[in-house]
Amino acid sequence: MDKGVPVEEAAEKQLLNVALMPFIYKWVAAMPDVHWGIGATVGSVIPQRARSSPQRLAWILVAA
């Protein structure tokens, strides 16, 4: 990332993978404490075009 707080490389990769998914609405946001997590990046905001169950989202992120 170019500006802001440092982000772990693994967390940045997770955020980029999520941002490219077709059901994401516009962009993914990251809070200052963002870090890699199992299933989803901790400290991220993931807006979606339509509802999706959290279990399905977690499975998609782990499989990515």
PDB file of N, CA and C in Angstrom:
ATOM      1  N   MET A   1       0.850  -1.173   0.000  1.00  0.00           N
ATOM      2  CA  MET A   1       0.000   0.000   0.000  1.00  0.00           C
ATOM      3  C   MET A   1       0.903   1.245   0.000  1.00  0.00           C
ATOM      4  N   ASP A   2       0.466   2.276  -0.658  1.00  0.00           N
ATOM      5  CA  ASP A   2       1.303   3.456  -0.830  1.00  0.00           C
ATOM      6  C   ASP A   2       1.309   4.402   0.364  1.00  0.00           C
ATOM      7  N   LYS A   3       0.161   4.588   1.020  1.00  0.00           N
ATOM      8  CA  LYS A   3       0.057   5.571   2.097  1.00  0.00           C
ATOM      9  C   LYS A   3      -0.621   4.947   3.303  1.00  0.00           C
ATOM     10  N   GLY A   4      -0.516   5.639   4.441  1.00  0.00           N
ATOM     11  CA  GLY A   4      -1.205   5.160   5.633  1.00  0.00           C
ATOM     12  C   GLY A   4      -0.313   4.301   6.506  1.00  0.00           C
ATOM     13  N   VAL A   5      -0.958   3.436   7.289  1.00  0.00           N
ATOM     14  CA  VAL A   5      -0.232   2.593   8.233  1.00  0.00           C
ATOM     15  C   VAL A   5       0.346   1.362   7.529  1.00  0.00           C
ATOM     16  N   PRO A   6       1.395   0.774   8.086  1.00  0.00           N
ATOM     17  CA  PRO A   6       1.947  -0.447   7.498  1.00  0.00           C
ATOM     18  C   PRO A   6       0.932  -1.596   7.554  1.00  0.00           C
ATOM     19  N   VAL A   7       0.934  -2.431   6.531  1.00  0.00           N
ATOM     20  CA  VAL A   7       0.030  -3.579   6.454  1.00  0.00           C
ATOM     21  C   VAL A   7       0.863  -4.824   6.188  1.00  0.00           C
ATOM     22  N   GLU A   8       0.584  -5.886   6.948  1.00  0.00           N
ATOM     23  CA  GLU A   8       1.279  -7.154   6.722  1.00  0.00           C
ATOM     24  C   GLU A   8       1.072  -7.604   5.276  1.00  0.00           C
ATOM     25  N   GLU A   9       2.079  -8.202   4.704  1.00  0.00           N
ATOM     26  CA  GLU A   9       1.987  -8.673   3.326  1.00  0.00           C
ATOM     27  C   GLU A   9       0.842  -9.678   3.149  1.00  0.00           C
ATOM     28  N   ALA A  10       0.680 -10.584   4.122  1.00  0.00           N
ATOM     29  CA  ALA A  10      -0.398 -11.581   4.039  1.00  0.00           C
ATOM     30  C   ALA A  10      -1.773 -10.913   4.096  1.00  0.00           C
ATOM     31  N   ALA A  11      -1.917  -9.889   4.926  1.00  0.00           N
ATOM     32  CA  ALA A  11      -3.192  -9.168   5.029  1.00  0.00           C
ATOM     33  C   ALA A  11      -3.479  -8.405   3.739  1.00  0.00           C
ATOM     34  N   GLU A  12      -2.464  -7.798   3.166  1.00  0.00           N
ATOM     35  CA  GLU A  12      -2.639  -7.072   1.910  1.00  0.00           C
ATOM     36  C   GLU A  12      -3.101  -8.022   0.801  1.00  0.00           C
ATOM     37  N   LYS A  13      -2.514  -9.220   0.752  1.00  0.00           N
ATOM     38  CA  LYS A  13      -2.909 -10.216  -0.253  1.00  0.00           C
ATOM     39  C   LYS A  13      -4.369 -10.628  -0.053  1.00  0.00           C
ATOM     40  N   GLN A  14      -4.769 -10.840   1.216  1.00  0.00           N
ATOM     41  CA  GLN A  14      -6.171 -11.177   1.504  1.00  0.00           C
ATOM     42  C   GLN A  14      -7.105 -10.063   1.031  1.00  0.00           C
ATOM     43  N   LEU A  15      -6.758  -8.820   1.341  1.00  0.00           N
ATOM     44  CA  LEU A  15      -7.600  -7.685   0.954  1.00  0.00           C
ATOM     45  C   LEU A  15      -7.735  -7.585  -0.563  1.00  0.00           C
ATOM     46  N   LEU A  16      -6.637  -7.779  -1.275  1.00  0.00           N
ATOM     47  CA  LEU A  16      -6.688  -7.719  -2.738  1.00  0.00           C
ATOM     48  C   LEU A  16      -7.532  -8.859  -3.308  1.00  0.00           C
ATOM     49  N   ASN A  17      -7.403 -10.068  -2.759  1.00  0.00           N
ATOM     50  CA  ASN A  17      -8.221 -11.205  -3.211  1.00  0.00           C
ATOM     51  C   ASN A  17      -9.706 -10.917  -3.023  1.00  0.00           C
ATOM     52  N   VAL A  18     -10.060 -10.367  -1.863  1.00  0.00           N
ATOM     53  CA  VAL A  18     -11.466 -10.059  -1.573  1.00  0.00           C
ATOM     54  C   VAL A  18     -11.967  -8.967  -2.511  1.00  0.00           C
ATOM     55  N   ALA A  19     -11.175  -7.942  -2.714  1.00  0.00           N
ATOM     56  CA  ALA A  19     -11.595  -6.808  -3.544  1.00  0.00           C
ATOM     57  C   ALA A  19     -11.920  -7.219  -4.976  1.00  0.00           C
ATOM     58  N   LEU A  20     -11.333  -8.293  -5.452  1.00  0.00           N
ATOM     59  CA  LEU A  20     -11.555  -8.747  -6.826  1.00  0.00           C
ATOM     60  C   LEU A  20     -12.767  -9.669  -6.981  1.00  0.00           C
ATOM     61  N   MET A  21     -13.408 -10.032  -5.883  1.00  0.00           N
ATOM     62  CA  MET A  21     -14.574 -10.914  -5.965  1.00  0.00           C
ATOM     63  C   MET A  21     -15.768 -10.163  -6.563  1.00  0.00           C
ATOM     64  N   PRO A  22     -16.564 -10.833  -7.402  1.00  0.00           N
ATOM     65  CA  PRO A  22     -17.627 -10.158  -8.142  1.00  0.00           C
ATOM     66  C   PRO A  22     -18.777  -9.597  -7.290  1.00  0.00           C
ATOM     67  N   PHE A  23     -18.964 -10.075  -6.071  1.00  0.00           N
ATOM     68  CA  PHE A  23     -20.077  -9.596  -5.261  1.00  0.00           C
ATOM     69  C   PHE A  23     -19.697  -8.418  -4.357  1.00  0.00           C
ATOM     70  N   ILE A  24     -18.461  -7.947  -4.443  1.00  0.00           N
ATOM     71  CA  ILE A  24     -18.017  -6.814  -3.628  1.00  0.00           C
ATOM     72  C   ILE A  24     -18.565  -5.521  -4.224  1.00  0.00           C
ATOM     73  N   TYR A  25     -19.081  -4.661  -3.357  1.00  0.00           N
ATOM     74  CA  TYR A  25     -19.645  -3.389  -3.802  1.00  0.00           C
ATOM     75  C   TYR A  25     -18.601  -2.286  -3.699  1.00  0.00           C
ATOM     76  N   LYS A  26     -18.066  -1.860  -4.794  1.00  0.00           N
ATOM     77  CA  LYS A  26     -17.114  -0.768  -4.979  1.00  0.00           C
ATOM     78  C   LYS A  26     -15.712  -1.030  -4.439  1.00  0.00           C
ATOM     79  N   TRP A  27     -15.523  -1.120  -3.131  1.00  0.00           N
ATOM     80  CA  TRP A  27     -14.172  -1.281  -2.585  1.00  0.00           C
ATOM     81  C   TRP A  27     -14.192  -1.954  -1.224  1.00  0.00           C
ATOM     82  N   VAL A  28     -13.025  -2.354  -0.768  1.00  0.00           N
ATOM     83  CA  VAL A  28     -12.841  -2.943   0.556  1.00  0.00           C
ATOM     84  C   VAL A  28     -12.065  -1.920   1.381  1.00  0.00           C
ATOM     85  N   ALA A  29     -12.471  -1.723   2.621  1.00  0.00           N
ATOM     86  CA  ALA A  29     -11.790  -0.769   3.501  1.00  0.00           C
ATOM     87  C   ALA A  29     -11.007  -1.520   4.573  1.00  0.00           C
ATOM     88  N   ALA A  30      -9.933  -0.911   5.032  1.00  0.00           N
ATOM     89  CA  ALA A  30      -9.119  -1.507   6.093  1.00  0.00           C
ATOM     90  C   ALA A  30      -8.933  -0.490   7.216  1.00  0.00           C
ATOM     91  N   MET A  31      -9.115  -0.949   8.435  1.00  0.00           N
ATOM     92  CA  MET A  31      -8.926  -0.117   9.616  1.00  0.00           C
ATOM     93  C   MET A  31      -7.428  -0.070   9.965  1.00  0.00           C
ATOM     94  N   PRO A  32      -6.997   0.880  10.795  1.00  0.00           N
ATOM     95  CA  PRO A  32      -5.566   1.003  11.127  1.00  0.00           C
ATOM     96  C   PRO A  32      -4.960  -0.254  11.765  1.00  0.00           C
ATOM     97  N   ASP A  33      -5.781  -1.083  12.419  1.00  0.00           N
ATOM     98  CA  ASP A  33      -5.260  -2.294  13.070  1.00  0.00           C
ATOM     99  C   ASP A  33      -5.397  -3.538  12.193  1.00  0.00           C
ATOM    100  N   VAL A  34      -5.562  -3.361  10.897  1.00  0.00           N
ATOM    101  CA  VAL A  34      -5.798  -4.485   9.987  1.00  0.00           C
ATOM    102  C   VAL A  34      -4.645  -5.491  10.075  1.00  0.00           C
ATOM    103  N   HIS A  35      -5.030  -6.788  10.077  1.00  0.00           N
ATOM    104  CA  HIS A  35      -4.026  -7.850  10.053  1.00  0.00           C
ATOM    105  C   HIS A  35      -4.661  -9.133   9.512  1.00  0.00           C
ATOM    106  N   TRP A  36      -3.801 -10.052   9.082  1.00  0.00           N
ATOM    107  CA  TRP A  36      -4.237 -11.315   8.494  1.00  0.00           C
ATOM    108  C   TRP A  36      -5.103 -12.077   9.486  1.00  0.00           C
ATOM    109  N   GLY A  37      -6.113 -12.737   8.946  1.00  0.00           N
ATOM    110  CA  GLY A  37      -6.979 -13.559   9.771  1.00  0.00           C
ATOM    111  C   GLY A  37      -7.361 -14.835   9.044  1.00  0.00           C
ATOM    112  N   ILE A  38      -7.846 -15.799   9.780  1.00  0.00           N
ATOM    113  CA  ILE A  38      -8.299 -17.056   9.182  1.00  0.00           C
ATOM    114  C   ILE A  38      -9.698 -16.822   8.638  1.00  0.00           C
ATOM    115  N   GLY A  39      -9.851 -16.920   7.337  1.00  0.00           N
ATOM    116  CA  GLY A  39     -11.158 -16.746   6.704  1.00  0.00           C
ATOM    117  C   GLY A  39     -11.429 -15.335   6.233  1.00  0.00           C
ATOM    118  N   ALA A  40     -10.969 -14.334   6.952  1.00  0.00           N
ATOM    119  CA  ALA A  40     -11.168 -12.942   6.549  1.00  0.00           C
ATOM    120  C   ALA A  40     -10.111 -12.083   7.223  1.00  0.00           C
ATOM    121  N   THR A  41      -9.784 -10.974   6.614  1.00  0.00           N
ATOM    122  CA  THR A  41      -8.807 -10.055   7.172  1.00  0.00           C
ATOM    123  C   THR A  41      -9.426  -9.340   8.365  1.00  0.00           C
ATOM    124  N   VAL A  42      -8.783  -9.413   9.515  1.00  0.00           N
ATOM    125  CA  VAL A  42      -9.280  -8.761  10.723  1.00  0.00           C
ATOM    126  C   VAL A  42      -9.079  -7.253  10.566  1.00  0.00           C
ATOM    127  N   GLY A  43     -10.137  -6.495  10.855  1.00  0.00           N
ATOM    128  CA  GLY A  43     -10.065  -5.047  10.720  1.00  0.00           C
ATOM    129  C   GLY A  43     -10.409  -4.561   9.332  1.00  0.00           C
ATOM    130  N   SER A  44     -11.156  -5.369   8.582  1.00  0.00           N
ATOM    131  CA  SER A  44     -11.573  -4.957   7.242  1.00  0.00           C
ATOM    132  C   SER A  44     -13.087  -4.779   7.187  1.00  0.00           C
ATOM    133  N   VAL A  45     -13.511  -3.962   6.240  1.00  0.00           N
ATOM    134  CA  VAL A  45     -14.935  -3.756   5.983  1.00  0.00           C
ATOM    135  C   VAL A  45     -15.174  -4.217   4.555  1.00  0.00           C
ATOM    136  N   ILE A  46     -16.086  -5.185   4.392  1.00  0.00           N
ATOM    137  CA  ILE A  46     -16.311  -5.802   3.086  1.00  0.00           C
ATOM    138  C   ILE A  46     -17.769  -5.580   2.665  1.00  0.00           C
ATOM    139  N   PRO A  47     -18.050  -4.498   1.943  1.00  0.00           N
ATOM    140  CA  PRO A  47     -19.421  -4.266   1.474  1.00  0.00           C
ATOM    141  C   PRO A  47     -19.764  -5.216   0.332  1.00  0.00           C
ATOM    142  N   GLN A  48     -20.991  -5.729   0.334  1.00  0.00           N
ATOM    143  CA  GLN A  48     -21.405  -6.699  -0.677  1.00  0.00           C
ATOM    144  C   GLN A  48     -22.602  -6.184  -1.459  1.00  0.00           C
ATOM    145  N   ARG A  49     -22.696  -6.570  -2.723  1.00  0.00           N
ATOM    146  CA  ARG A  49     -23.839  -6.195  -3.567  1.00  0.00           C
ATOM    147  C   ARG A  49     -25.117  -6.869  -3.077  1.00  0.00           C
ATOM    148  N   ALA A  50     -25.020  -8.086  -2.685  1.00  0.00           N
ATOM    149  CA  ALA A  50     -26.182  -8.842  -2.200  1.00  0.00           C
ATOM    150  C   ALA A  50     -25.751  -9.596  -0.948  1.00  0.00           C
ATOM    151  N   ARG A  51     -26.704 -10.025  -0.186  1.00  0.00           N
ATOM    152  CA  ARG A  51     -26.361 -10.739   1.050  1.00  0.00           C
ATOM    153  C   ARG A  51     -25.711 -12.082   0.748  1.00  0.00           C
ATOM    154  N   SER A  52     -24.792 -12.446   1.609  1.00  0.00           N
ATOM    155  CA  SER A  52     -24.122 -13.735   1.515  1.00  0.00           C
ATOM    156  C   SER A  52     -23.927 -14.236   2.935  1.00  0.00           C
ATOM    157  N   SER A  53     -24.073 -15.515   3.157  1.00  0.00           N
ATOM    158  CA  SER A  53     -23.922 -16.021   4.515  1.00  0.00           C
ATOM    159  C   SER A  53     -22.465 -15.906   4.950  1.00  0.00           C
ATOM    160  N   PRO A  54     -22.203 -15.548   6.211  1.00  0.00           N
ATOM    161  CA  PRO A  54     -20.820 -15.433   6.688  1.00  0.00           C
ATOM    162  C   PRO A  54     -20.020 -16.726   6.507  1.00  0.00           C
ATOM    163  N   GLN A  55     -20.670 -17.881   6.671  1.00  0.00           N
ATOM    164  CA  GLN A  55     -19.952 -19.137   6.508  1.00  0.00           C
ATOM    165  C   GLN A  55     -19.469 -19.296   5.060  1.00  0.00           C
ATOM    166  N   ARG A  56     -20.302 -18.941   4.119  1.00  0.00           N
ATOM    167  CA  ARG A  56     -19.925 -19.048   2.708  1.00  0.00           C
ATOM    168  C   ARG A  56     -18.793 -18.079   2.403  1.00  0.00           C
ATOM    169  N   LEU A  57     -18.890 -16.852   2.921  1.00  0.00           N
ATOM    170  CA  LEU A  57     -17.839 -15.878   2.692  1.00  0.00           C
ATOM    171  C   LEU A  57     -16.523 -16.372   3.273  1.00  0.00           C
ATOM    172  N   ALA A  58     -16.559 -16.908   4.486  1.00  0.00           N
ATOM    173  CA  ALA A  58     -15.344 -17.420   5.112  1.00  0.00           C
ATOM    174  C   ALA A  58     -14.755 -18.550   4.268  1.00  0.00           C
ATOM    175  N   TRP A  59     -15.593 -19.441   3.741  1.00  0.00           N
ATOM    176  CA  TRP A  59     -15.104 -20.548   2.928  1.00  0.00           C
ATOM    177  C   TRP A  59     -14.439 -20.013   1.661  1.00  0.00           C
ATOM    178  N   ILE A  60     -15.043 -19.007   1.035  1.00  0.00           N
ATOM    179  CA  ILE A  60     -14.488 -18.436  -0.192  1.00  0.00           C
ATOM    180  C   ILE A  60     -13.120 -17.831   0.096  1.00  0.00           C
ATOM    181  N   LEU A  61     -13.000 -17.104   1.208  1.00  0.00           N
ATOM    182  CA  LEU A  61     -11.740 -16.440   1.525  1.00  0.00           C
ATOM    183  C   LEU A  61     -10.648 -17.444   1.859  1.00  0.00           C
ATOM    184  N   VAL A  62     -10.987 -18.526   2.526  1.00  0.00           N
ATOM    185  CA  VAL A  62      -9.989 -19.541   2.859  1.00  0.00           C
ATOM    186  C   VAL A  62      -9.542 -20.255   1.589  1.00  0.00           C
ATOM    187  N   ALA A  63     -10.462 -20.480   0.668  1.00  0.00           N
ATOM    188  CA  ALA A  63     -10.141 -21.201  -0.557  1.00  0.00           C
ATOM    189  C   ALA A  63      -9.351 -20.331  -1.542  1.00  0.00           C
ATOM    190  N   ALA A  64      -9.420 -19.028  -1.376  1.00  0.00           N
ATOM    191  CA  ALA A  64      -8.755 -18.114  -2.341  1.00  0.00           C
ATOM    192  C   ALA A  64      -7.252 -18.158  -2.217  1.00  0.00           C
TER     193      ALA A  64
END
